[in-house]
Amino acid sequence: HKTAAVTAFVLLAAGLVVAIGMVQASGGPHLRVLHGVFGAITIVVGFLTGAGGLITTRVRSHRKQLRIIHLWVGRVAVILFLLTVLAGLRQVGIL
């Protein structure tokens, strides 16, 4: 689980850098399409999921509640990842 979390963090950071670079290169405004909006929300929720997991391992009080929150935020992140991909595929005309 920790390896997956570190991998996800690296991929989120890389995705953020690539997204910013591509928008800058296109000369267009940020968050002008659904894919961009979903992507921004997904990146934030993804980082929150990782932070929640880290906090859960460090904090002894309320650990059960923190684990439940981490679990549900992670589930929301997965759904957002899928929506972001689908929005991107729709944007380029594949869907």
C-alpha atoms as a PDB file:
ATOM      1  CA  HIS A   1       0.000   0.000   0.000  1.00  0.00           C
ATOM      2  CA  LYS A   2       2.839   2.378   0.814  1.00  0.00           C
ATOM      3  CA  THR A   3       4.529   1.667  -2.515  1.00  0.00           C
ATOM      4  CA  ALA A   4       1.273   2.407  -4.339  1.00  0.00           C
ATOM      5  CA  ALA A   5       0.889   5.648  -2.378  1.00  0.00           C
ATOM      6  CA  VAL A   6       4.396   6.840  -3.237  1.00  0.00           C
ATOM      7  CA  THR A   7       3.883   5.877  -6.879  1.00  0.00           C
ATOM      8  CA  ALA A   8       0.561   7.738  -6.941  1.00  0.00           C
ATOM      9  CA  PHE A   9       2.196  10.828  -5.435  1.00  0.00           C
ATOM     10  CA  VAL A  10       4.946  10.823  -8.074  1.00  0.00           C
ATOM     11  CA  LEU A  11       2.416  10.319 -10.893  1.00  0.00           C
ATOM     12  CA  LEU A  12       0.145  13.065  -9.523  1.00  0.00           C
ATOM     13  CA  ALA A  13       3.058  15.479  -9.332  1.00  0.00           C
ATOM     14  CA  ALA A  14       4.177  14.555 -12.862  1.00  0.00           C
ATOM     15  CA  GLY A  15       0.607  14.922 -14.143  1.00  0.00           C
ATOM     16  CA  LEU A  16       0.342  18.350 -12.578  1.00  0.00           C
ATOM     17  CA  VAL A  17       3.606  19.495 -14.176  1.00  0.00           C
ATOM     18  CA  VAL A  18       2.608  18.115 -17.599  1.00  0.00           C
ATOM     19  CA  ALA A  19      -0.882  19.639 -17.385  1.00  0.00           C
ATOM     20  CA  ILE A  20       0.460  23.071 -16.501  1.00  0.00           C
ATOM     21  CA  GLY A  21       3.075  22.847 -19.251  1.00  0.00           C
ATOM     22  CA  MET A  22       0.555  21.806 -21.900  1.00  0.00           C
ATOM     23  CA  VAL A  23      -1.873  24.572 -20.990  1.00  0.00           C
ATOM     24  CA  GLN A  24       0.942  27.107 -21.036  1.00  0.00           C
ATOM     25  CA  ALA A  25       2.094  25.833 -24.433  1.00  0.00           C
ATOM     26  CA  SER A  26      -1.419  26.061 -25.872  1.00  0.00           C
ATOM     27  CA  GLY A  27      -1.760  29.646 -24.715  1.00  0.00           C
ATOM     28  CA  GLY A  28      -5.254  28.956 -23.450  1.00  0.00           C
ATOM     29  CA  PRO A  29      -6.667  29.679 -20.013  1.00  0.00           C
ATOM     30  CA  HIS A  30      -6.527  27.064 -17.293  1.00  0.00           C
ATOM     31  CA  LEU A  31      -9.647  25.079 -16.399  1.00  0.00           C
ATOM     32  CA  ARG A  32     -11.542  26.000 -19.560  1.00  0.00           C
ATOM     33  CA  VAL A  33     -12.729  22.450 -20.340  1.00  0.00           C
ATOM     34  CA  LEU A  34     -14.363  19.714 -18.260  1.00  0.00           C
ATOM     35  CA  HIS A  35     -11.238  17.554 -18.447  1.00  0.00           C
ATOM     36  CA  GLY A  36      -9.184  20.353 -16.901  1.00  0.00           C
ATOM     37  CA  VAL A  37     -11.684  20.947 -14.113  1.00  0.00           C
ATOM     38  CA  PHE A  38     -11.918  17.233 -13.304  1.00  0.00           C
ATOM     39  CA  GLY A  39      -8.141  16.981 -13.514  1.00  0.00           C
ATOM     40  CA  ALA A  40      -7.571  19.810 -11.047  1.00  0.00           C
ATOM     41  CA  ILE A  41     -10.090  18.385  -8.581  1.00  0.00           C
ATOM     42  CA  THR A  42      -8.620  14.911  -9.015  1.00  0.00           C
ATOM     43  CA  ILE A  43      -5.102  16.101  -8.274  1.00  0.00           C
ATOM     44  CA  VAL A  44      -6.225  17.893  -5.112  1.00  0.00           C
ATOM     45  CA  VAL A  45      -8.251  14.898  -3.895  1.00  0.00           C
ATOM     46  CA  GLY A  46      -5.381  12.569  -4.805  1.00  0.00           C
ATOM     47  CA  PHE A  47      -2.935  14.553  -2.701  1.00  0.00           C
ATOM     48  CA  LEU A  48      -5.496  14.697   0.132  1.00  0.00           C
ATOM     49  CA  THR A  49      -5.833  10.920  -0.010  1.00  0.00           C
ATOM     50  CA  GLY A  50      -2.091  10.512   0.405  1.00  0.00           C
ATOM     51  CA  ALA A  51      -1.939  13.084   3.184  1.00  0.00           C
ATOM     52  CA  GLY A  52      -4.822  11.347   4.939  1.00  0.00           C
ATOM     53  CA  GLY A  53      -3.013   8.026   4.746  1.00  0.00           C
ATOM     54  CA  LEU A  54       0.140   9.556   6.162  1.00  0.00           C
ATOM     55  CA  ILE A  55      -1.783  11.257   8.971  1.00  0.00           C
ATOM     56  CA  THR A  56      -3.598   8.016   9.763  1.00  0.00           C
ATOM     57  CA  THR A  57      -0.284   6.226  10.306  1.00  0.00           C
ATOM     58  CA  ARG A  58       1.069   9.014  12.526  1.00  0.00           C
ATOM     59  CA  VAL A  59      -1.907   9.923  14.740  1.00  0.00           C
ATOM     60  CA  ARG A  60      -2.963   7.479  17.442  1.00  0.00           C
ATOM     61  CA  SER A  61      -6.137   9.198  18.585  1.00  0.00           C
ATOM     62  CA  HIS A  62      -9.178   8.876  16.305  1.00  0.00           C
ATOM     63  CA  ARG A  63      -7.301   6.362  14.131  1.00  0.00           C
ATOM     64  CA  LYS A  64     -10.462   4.423  13.250  1.00  0.00           C
ATOM     65  CA  GLN A  65     -12.289   7.560  12.084  1.00  0.00           C
ATOM     66  CA  LEU A  66      -9.250   8.754  10.140  1.00  0.00           C
ATOM     67  CA  ARG A  67      -8.970   5.385   8.374  1.00  0.00           C
ATOM     68  CA  ILE A  68     -12.627   5.557   7.346  1.00  0.00           C
ATOM     69  CA  ILE A  69     -12.150   9.088   5.984  1.00  0.00           C
ATOM     70  CA  HIS A  70      -8.990   8.004   4.142  1.00  0.00           C
ATOM     71  CA  LEU A  71     -10.845   5.031   2.656  1.00  0.00           C
ATOM     72  CA  TRP A  72     -13.740   7.122   1.365  1.00  0.00           C
ATOM     73  CA  VAL A  73     -11.572   9.943   0.038  1.00  0.00           C
ATOM     74  CA  GLY A  74      -9.558   7.278  -1.799  1.00  0.00           C
ATOM     75  CA  ARG A  75     -12.734   5.873  -3.338  1.00  0.00           C
ATOM     76  CA  VAL A  76     -13.795   9.341  -4.445  1.00  0.00           C
ATOM     77  CA  ALA A  77     -10.326   9.840  -5.951  1.00  0.00           C
ATOM     78  CA  VAL A  78     -10.659   6.665  -8.028  1.00  0.00           C
ATOM     79  CA  ILE A  79     -14.030   7.817  -9.370  1.00  0.00           C
ATOM     80  CA  LEU A  80     -12.568  11.240 -10.168  1.00  0.00           C
ATOM     81  CA  PHE A  81      -9.615   9.642 -11.964  1.00  0.00           C
ATOM     82  CA  LEU A  82     -12.044   7.721 -14.159  1.00  0.00           C
ATOM     83  CA  LEU A  83     -14.160  10.808 -14.846  1.00  0.00           C
ATOM     84  CA  THR A  84     -11.039  12.770 -15.767  1.00  0.00           C
ATOM     85  CA  VAL A  85      -9.941  10.097 -18.238  1.00  0.00           C
ATOM     86  CA  LEU A  86     -13.431   9.879 -19.748  1.00  0.00           C
ATOM     87  CA  ALA A  87     -13.623  13.684 -20.064  1.00  0.00           C
ATOM     88  CA  GLY A  88     -10.232  13.704 -21.793  1.00  0.00           C
ATOM     89  CA  LEU A  89     -11.277  10.965 -24.207  1.00  0.00           C
ATOM     90  CA  ARG A  90     -14.467  12.864 -24.976  1.00  0.00           C
ATOM     91  CA  GLN A  91     -12.515  16.068 -25.515  1.00  0.00           C
ATOM     92  CA  VAL A  92     -10.296  14.486 -28.166  1.00  0.00           C
ATOM     93  CA  GLY A  93     -13.254  12.817 -29.878  1.00  0.00           C
ATOM     94  CA  ILE A  94     -12.670   9.190 -28.915  1.00  0.00           C
ATOM     95  CA  LEU A  95     -15.911   9.035 -26.942  1.00  0.00           C
END
